[in-house]
Amino acid sequence: MLERQAFDAEGFVEARDVDPAADPADYLIAGTIRPPTPNTRIKKDTVLVNPNEVVRIQPAFTGYTGRYVWHCHILEHEDQEMMLPYRVVA
Protein backbone atom coordinates (compact mmCIF):
# COMPACT_ATOMS: atom_id res chain seq x y z
CA MET A 1 0.00 0.00 0.00
CA LEU A 2 1.34 3.40 -0.98
CA GLU A 3 -1.14 5.88 0.49
CA ARG A 4 -4.72 6.69 1.54
CA GLN A 5 -6.84 9.69 0.66
CA ALA A 6 -10.42 10.84 1.25
CA PHE A 7 -12.99 10.29 -1.52
CA ASP A 8 -16.29 12.17 -1.95
CA ALA A 9 -18.59 9.20 -2.63
CA GLU A 10 -21.80 11.26 -2.73
CA GLY A 11 -20.23 13.71 -5.18
CA PHE A 12 -19.07 10.80 -7.31
CA VAL A 13 -22.61 9.44 -7.61
CA GLU A 14 -23.99 12.91 -8.44
CA ALA A 15 -21.30 13.57 -11.07
CA ARG A 16 -21.83 10.14 -12.64
CA ASP A 17 -25.58 10.81 -12.89
CA VAL A 18 -24.92 14.09 -14.75
CA ASP A 19 -22.33 12.70 -17.19
CA PRO A 20 -21.78 8.93 -17.13
CA ALA A 21 -18.80 9.27 -19.51
CA ALA A 22 -16.90 11.67 -17.24
CA ASP A 23 -14.22 10.47 -14.87
CA PRO A 24 -15.29 12.18 -11.65
CA ALA A 25 -12.58 10.39 -9.67
CA ASP A 26 -10.15 12.95 -11.08
CA TYR A 27 -11.70 15.75 -9.06
CA LEU A 28 -13.46 13.99 -6.19
CA ILE A 29 -10.35 12.58 -4.53
CA ALA A 30 -9.53 15.19 -1.93
CA GLY A 31 -7.96 15.67 1.42
CA THR A 32 -4.52 15.01 2.76
CA ILE A 33 -2.59 12.06 1.40
CA ARG A 34 -1.79 9.78 4.32
CA PRO A 35 1.14 7.35 4.19
CA PRO A 36 0.73 3.76 5.29
CA THR A 37 0.75 3.01 9.00
CA PRO A 38 3.50 0.72 10.34
CA ASN A 39 1.26 -2.36 10.15
CA THR A 40 0.40 -1.69 6.48
CA ARG A 41 3.97 -1.10 5.27
CA ILE A 42 4.67 -4.81 4.97
CA LYS A 43 3.74 -6.81 1.88
CA LYS A 44 0.19 -8.18 2.08
CA ASP A 45 -2.32 -9.69 -0.29
CA THR A 46 -5.26 -7.77 1.22
CA VAL A 47 -5.74 -4.10 2.07
CA LEU A 48 -8.43 -2.56 4.26
CA VAL A 49 -10.21 0.30 2.48
CA ASN A 50 -12.39 2.41 4.74
CA PRO A 51 -15.67 4.01 3.58
CA ASN A 52 -15.16 7.18 1.51
CA GLU A 53 -11.49 6.44 0.97
CA VAL A 54 -9.16 5.66 -1.92
CA VAL A 55 -6.14 3.45 -1.33
CA ARG A 56 -3.31 3.40 -3.85
CA ILE A 57 -1.42 0.13 -4.16
CA GLN A 58 1.63 -1.01 -6.10
CA PRO A 59 1.60 -4.78 -6.43
CA ALA A 60 4.75 -6.68 -7.34
CA PHE A 61 4.27 -9.66 -9.65
CA THR A 62 7.93 -10.60 -10.11
CA GLY A 63 7.99 -14.27 -10.96
CA TYR A 64 4.19 -14.52 -11.11
CA THR A 65 2.40 -14.55 -14.43
CA GLY A 66 -1.08 -15.73 -15.27
CA ARG A 67 -4.70 -14.84 -14.72
CA TYR A 68 -5.88 -13.32 -11.44
CA VAL A 69 -8.90 -11.50 -10.08
CA TRP A 70 -8.87 -8.21 -8.25
CA HIS A 71 -11.83 -8.02 -5.90
CA CYS A 72 -13.52 -6.51 -2.91
CA HIS A 73 -14.68 -8.80 -0.12
CA ILE A 74 -18.12 -7.15 -0.09
CA LEU A 75 -20.10 -9.19 -2.62
CA GLU A 76 -22.43 -6.32 -3.62
CA HIS A 77 -19.41 -4.39 -4.87
CA GLU A 78 -19.00 -6.81 -7.78
CA ASP A 79 -21.58 -4.72 -9.66
CA GLN A 80 -19.47 -1.60 -9.06
CA GLU A 81 -16.41 -3.00 -10.88
CA MET A 82 -14.74 -4.10 -7.68
CA MET A 83 -14.31 -7.63 -9.01
CA LEU A 84 -12.35 -7.70 -12.26
CA PRO A 85 -10.07 -10.24 -13.95
CA TYR A 86 -6.59 -9.24 -15.05
CA ARG A 87 -3.64 -10.96 -16.62
CA VAL A 88 0.02 -10.60 -15.64
CA VAL A 89 2.43 -11.18 -18.52
CA ALA A 90 6.21 -11.56 -18.55
C-alpha atoms as a PDB file:
ATOM      1  CA  MET A   1       0.000   0.000   0.000  1.00  0.00           C
ATOM      2  CA  LEU A   2       1.345   3.400  -0.977  1.00  0.00           C
ATOM      3  CA  GLU A   3      -1.145   5.879   0.495  1.00  0.00           C
ATOM      4  CA  ARG A   4      -4.718   6.685   1.545  1.00  0.00           C
ATOM      5  CA  GLN A   5      -6.841   9.693   0.664  1.00  0.00           C
ATOM      6  CA  ALA A   6     -10.422  10.843   1.249  1.00  0.00           C
ATOM      7  CA  PHE A   7     -12.990  10.287  -1.518  1.00  0.00           C
ATOM      8  CA  ASP A   8     -16.286  12.174  -1.947  1.00  0.00           C
ATOM      9  CA  ALA A   9     -18.587   9.204  -2.625  1.00  0.00           C
ATOM     10  CA  GLU A  10     -21.800  11.258  -2.733  1.00  0.00           C
ATOM     11  CA  GLY A  11     -20.230  13.708  -5.176  1.00  0.00           C
ATOM     12  CA  PHE A  12     -19.071  10.795  -7.311  1.00  0.00           C
ATOM     13  CA  VAL A  13     -22.613   9.437  -7.611  1.00  0.00           C
ATOM     14  CA  GLU A  14     -23.992  12.908  -8.438  1.00  0.00           C
ATOM     15  CA  ALA A  15     -21.305  13.571 -11.075  1.00  0.00           C
ATOM     16  CA  ARG A  16     -21.830  10.141 -12.644  1.00  0.00           C
ATOM     17  CA  ASP A  17     -25.578  10.808 -12.891  1.00  0.00           C
ATOM     18  CA  VAL A  18     -24.922  14.088 -14.750  1.00  0.00           C
ATOM     19  CA  ASP A  19     -22.333  12.703 -17.188  1.00  0.00           C
ATOM     20  CA  PRO A  20     -21.776   8.934 -17.130  1.00  0.00           C
ATOM     21  CA  ALA A  21     -18.796   9.271 -19.510  1.00  0.00           C
ATOM     22  CA  ALA A  22     -16.900  11.675 -17.237  1.00  0.00           C
ATOM     23  CA  ASP A  23     -14.219  10.473 -14.869  1.00  0.00           C
ATOM     24  CA  PRO A  24     -15.291  12.183 -11.653  1.00  0.00           C
ATOM     25  CA  ALA A  25     -12.580  10.391  -9.669  1.00  0.00           C
ATOM     26  CA  ASP A  26     -10.153  12.953 -11.081  1.00  0.00           C
ATOM     27  CA  TYR A  27     -11.697  15.752  -9.055  1.00  0.00           C
ATOM     28  CA  LEU A  28     -13.462  13.986  -6.189  1.00  0.00           C
ATOM     29  CA  ILE A  29     -10.354  12.581  -4.530  1.00  0.00           C
ATOM     30  CA  ALA A  30      -9.531  15.193  -1.934  1.00  0.00           C
ATOM     31  CA  GLY A  31      -7.965  15.670   1.425  1.00  0.00           C
ATOM     32  CA  THR A  32      -4.518  15.012   2.759  1.00  0.00           C
ATOM     33  CA  ILE A  33      -2.590  12.056   1.402  1.00  0.00           C
ATOM     34  CA  ARG A  34      -1.794   9.781   4.323  1.00  0.00           C
ATOM     35  CA  PRO A  35       1.140   7.353   4.193  1.00  0.00           C
ATOM     36  CA  PRO A  36       0.728   3.757   5.294  1.00  0.00           C
ATOM     37  CA  THR A  37       0.750   3.012   9.004  1.00  0.00           C
ATOM     38  CA  PRO A  38       3.501   0.723  10.337  1.00  0.00           C
ATOM     39  CA  ASN A  39       1.259  -2.362  10.152  1.00  0.00           C
ATOM     40  CA  THR A  40       0.403  -1.689   6.481  1.00  0.00           C
ATOM     41  CA  ARG A  41       3.970  -1.099   5.272  1.00  0.00           C
ATOM     42  CA  ILE A  42       4.668  -4.806   4.966  1.00  0.00           C
ATOM     43  CA  LYS A  43       3.737  -6.811   1.877  1.00  0.00           C
ATOM     44  CA  LYS A  44       0.188  -8.179   2.083  1.00  0.00           C
ATOM     45  CA  ASP A  45      -2.319  -9.694  -0.289  1.00  0.00           C
ATOM     46  CA  THR A  46      -5.258  -7.765   1.223  1.00  0.00           C
ATOM     47  CA  VAL A  47      -5.743  -4.100   2.075  1.00  0.00           C
ATOM     48  CA  LEU A  48      -8.435  -2.558   4.260  1.00  0.00           C
ATOM     49  CA  VAL A  49     -10.208   0.295   2.480  1.00  0.00           C
ATOM     50  CA  ASN A  50     -12.389   2.406   4.745  1.00  0.00           C
ATOM     51  CA  PRO A  51     -15.665   4.010   3.578  1.00  0.00           C
ATOM     52  CA  ASN A  52     -15.165   7.184   1.514  1.00  0.00           C
ATOM     53  CA  GLU A  53     -11.490   6.436   0.973  1.00  0.00           C
ATOM     54  CA  VAL A  54      -9.159   5.664  -1.915  1.00  0.00           C
ATOM     55  CA  VAL A  55      -6.141   3.453  -1.327  1.00  0.00           C
ATOM     56  CA  ARG A  56      -3.315   3.396  -3.849  1.00  0.00           C
ATOM     57  CA  ILE A  57      -1.418   0.127  -4.155  1.00  0.00           C
ATOM     58  CA  GLN A  58       1.630  -1.012  -6.104  1.00  0.00           C
ATOM     59  CA  PRO A  59       1.599  -4.784  -6.429  1.00  0.00           C
ATOM     60  CA  ALA A  60       4.750  -6.682  -7.339  1.00  0.00           C
ATOM     61  CA  PHE A  61       4.269  -9.658  -9.649  1.00  0.00           C
ATOM     62  CA  THR A  62       7.929 -10.598 -10.113  1.00  0.00           C
ATOM     63  CA  GLY A  63       7.993 -14.270 -10.959  1.00  0.00           C
ATOM     64  CA  TYR A  64       4.185 -14.522 -11.107  1.00  0.00           C
ATOM     65  CA  THR A  65       2.403 -14.547 -14.435  1.00  0.00           C
ATOM     66  CA  GLY A  66      -1.077 -15.726 -15.274  1.00  0.00           C
ATOM     67  CA  ARG A  67      -4.700 -14.838 -14.717  1.00  0.00           C
ATOM     68  CA  TYR A  68      -5.878 -13.317 -11.441  1.00  0.00           C
ATOM     69  CA  VAL A  69      -8.902 -11.503 -10.083  1.00  0.00           C
ATOM     70  CA  TRP A  70      -8.870  -8.212  -8.245  1.00  0.00           C
ATOM     71  CA  HIS A  71     -11.825  -8.018  -5.903  1.00  0.00           C
ATOM     72  CA  CYS A  72     -13.516  -6.506  -2.910  1.00  0.00           C
ATOM     73  CA  HIS A  73     -14.681  -8.803  -0.122  1.00  0.00           C
ATOM     74  CA  ILE A  74     -18.121  -7.151  -0.095  1.00  0.00           C
ATOM     75  CA  LEU A  75     -20.103  -9.187  -2.618  1.00  0.00           C
ATOM     76  CA  GLU A  76     -22.432  -6.320  -3.618  1.00  0.00           C
ATOM     77  CA  HIS A  77     -19.407  -4.390  -4.874  1.00  0.00           C
ATOM     78  CA  GLU A  78     -18.997  -6.807  -7.779  1.00  0.00           C
ATOM     79  CA  ASP A  79     -21.576  -4.722  -9.664  1.00  0.00           C
ATOM     80  CA  GLN A  80     -19.470  -1.600  -9.059  1.00  0.00           C
ATOM     81  CA  GLU A  81     -16.412  -3.003 -10.881  1.00  0.00           C
ATOM     82  CA  MET A  82     -14.741  -4.097  -7.676  1.00  0.00           C
ATOM     83  CA  MET A  83     -14.315  -7.631  -9.012  1.00  0.00           C
ATOM     84  CA  LEU A  84     -12.355  -7.703 -12.263  1.00  0.00           C
ATOM     85  CA  PRO A  85     -10.068 -10.241 -13.952  1.00  0.00           C
ATOM     86  CA  TYR A  86      -6.587  -9.241 -15.051  1.00  0.00           C
ATOM     87  CA  ARG A  87      -3.638 -10.960 -16.618  1.00  0.00           C
ATOM     88  CA  VAL A  88       0.021 -10.602 -15.642  1.00  0.00           C
ATOM     89  CA  VAL A  89       2.429 -11.178 -18.515  1.00  0.00           C
ATOM     90  CA  ALA A  90       6.214 -11.561 -18.554  1.00  0.00           C
END
